[in-house]
Protein backbone atom coordinates (compact mmCIF):
# COMPACT_ATOMS: atom_id res chain seq x y z
CA UNK A 1 -0.69 11.00 10.74
CA UNK A 2 0.94 10.29 7.23
CA UNK A 3 4.41 9.74 6.17
CA UNK A 4 5.80 9.38 2.33
CA UNK A 5 8.81 8.72 0.53
CA UNK A 6 8.74 8.29 -3.34
CA UNK A 7 5.82 5.89 -4.24
CA UNK A 8 5.13 4.58 -0.72
CA UNK A 9 2.67 6.20 1.80
CA UNK A 10 1.99 5.19 5.22
CA UNK A 11 -0.98 6.27 7.01
CA UNK A 12 -0.58 5.44 10.65
CA UNK A 13 -2.79 7.65 12.64
CA UNK A 14 -5.69 10.35 12.24
CA UNK A 15 -7.52 12.31 14.45
CA UNK A 16 -9.68 15.35 13.95
CA UNK A 17 -8.27 18.64 14.81
CA UNK A 18 -11.70 19.34 16.84
CA UNK A 19 -11.13 16.34 19.03
CA UNK A 20 -6.99 17.28 19.53
CA UNK A 21 -4.60 19.88 18.79
CA UNK A 22 -1.48 18.08 18.29
CA UNK A 23 0.62 14.77 19.50
CA UNK A 24 2.31 14.97 22.35
CA UNK A 25 6.12 14.53 22.43
CA UNK A 26 6.36 11.16 23.35
CA UNK A 27 4.00 10.02 20.42
CA UNK A 28 5.65 12.05 17.89
CA UNK A 29 9.05 10.42 18.70
CA UNK A 30 7.58 7.09 18.63
CA UNK A 31 6.01 8.14 15.30
CA UNK A 32 9.32 9.51 13.77
CA UNK A 33 11.08 5.59 14.97
CA UNK A 34 8.00 3.72 13.27
CA UNK A 35 8.38 6.03 10.11
CA UNK A 36 12.49 4.65 10.03
CA UNK A 37 11.57 1.49 10.28
CA UNK A 38 8.66 1.23 7.73
CA UNK A 39 10.66 3.64 5.07
CA UNK A 40 13.71 0.90 5.70
CA UNK A 41 11.71 -1.99 4.32
CA UNK A 42 12.62 -3.26 0.86
CA UNK A 43 9.81 -5.07 -1.31
CA UNK A 44 10.16 -8.34 0.71
CA UNK A 45 10.06 -6.73 3.95
CA UNK A 46 7.09 -4.80 3.08
CA UNK A 47 5.48 -8.03 1.70
CA UNK A 48 6.29 -10.12 5.15
CA UNK A 49 4.57 -7.16 7.00
CA UNK A 50 1.57 -7.48 5.06
CA UNK A 51 1.48 -11.15 5.19
CA UNK A 52 1.67 -10.56 9.09
CA UNK A 53 -0.94 -8.13 9.18
CA UNK A 54 1.16 -5.23 10.30
CA UNK A 55 0.23 -3.32 7.10
CA UNK A 56 -2.33 -3.28 5.05
CA UNK A 57 -2.30 -2.25 0.98
CA UNK A 58 -5.50 0.25 0.08
CA UNK A 59 -6.35 0.56 -3.50
CA UNK A 60 -7.64 4.09 -4.53
CA UNK A 61 -8.92 5.25 -7.89
CA UNK A 62 -7.73 1.96 -9.34
CA UNK A 63 -4.22 2.94 -8.07
CA UNK A 64 -2.59 0.34 -5.87
CA UNK A 65 -0.93 2.21 -2.80
CA UNK A 66 0.99 0.76 0.16
CA UNK A 67 -0.06 1.77 3.43
């Protein structure tokens, strides 16, 4: 499960399609609420969430990506 806006990408939950076909309705609704919250964060909010361990910054090919 990924949601992205502009330069931000959040990887939240992943599963193999061989293990599970899709998300349940209540899970989808919860992830949509989470996306709204994360994507509303400004730079300070992202820094606070990262310091608290709620999100982890991931570097890929020498480029910084916010998770």
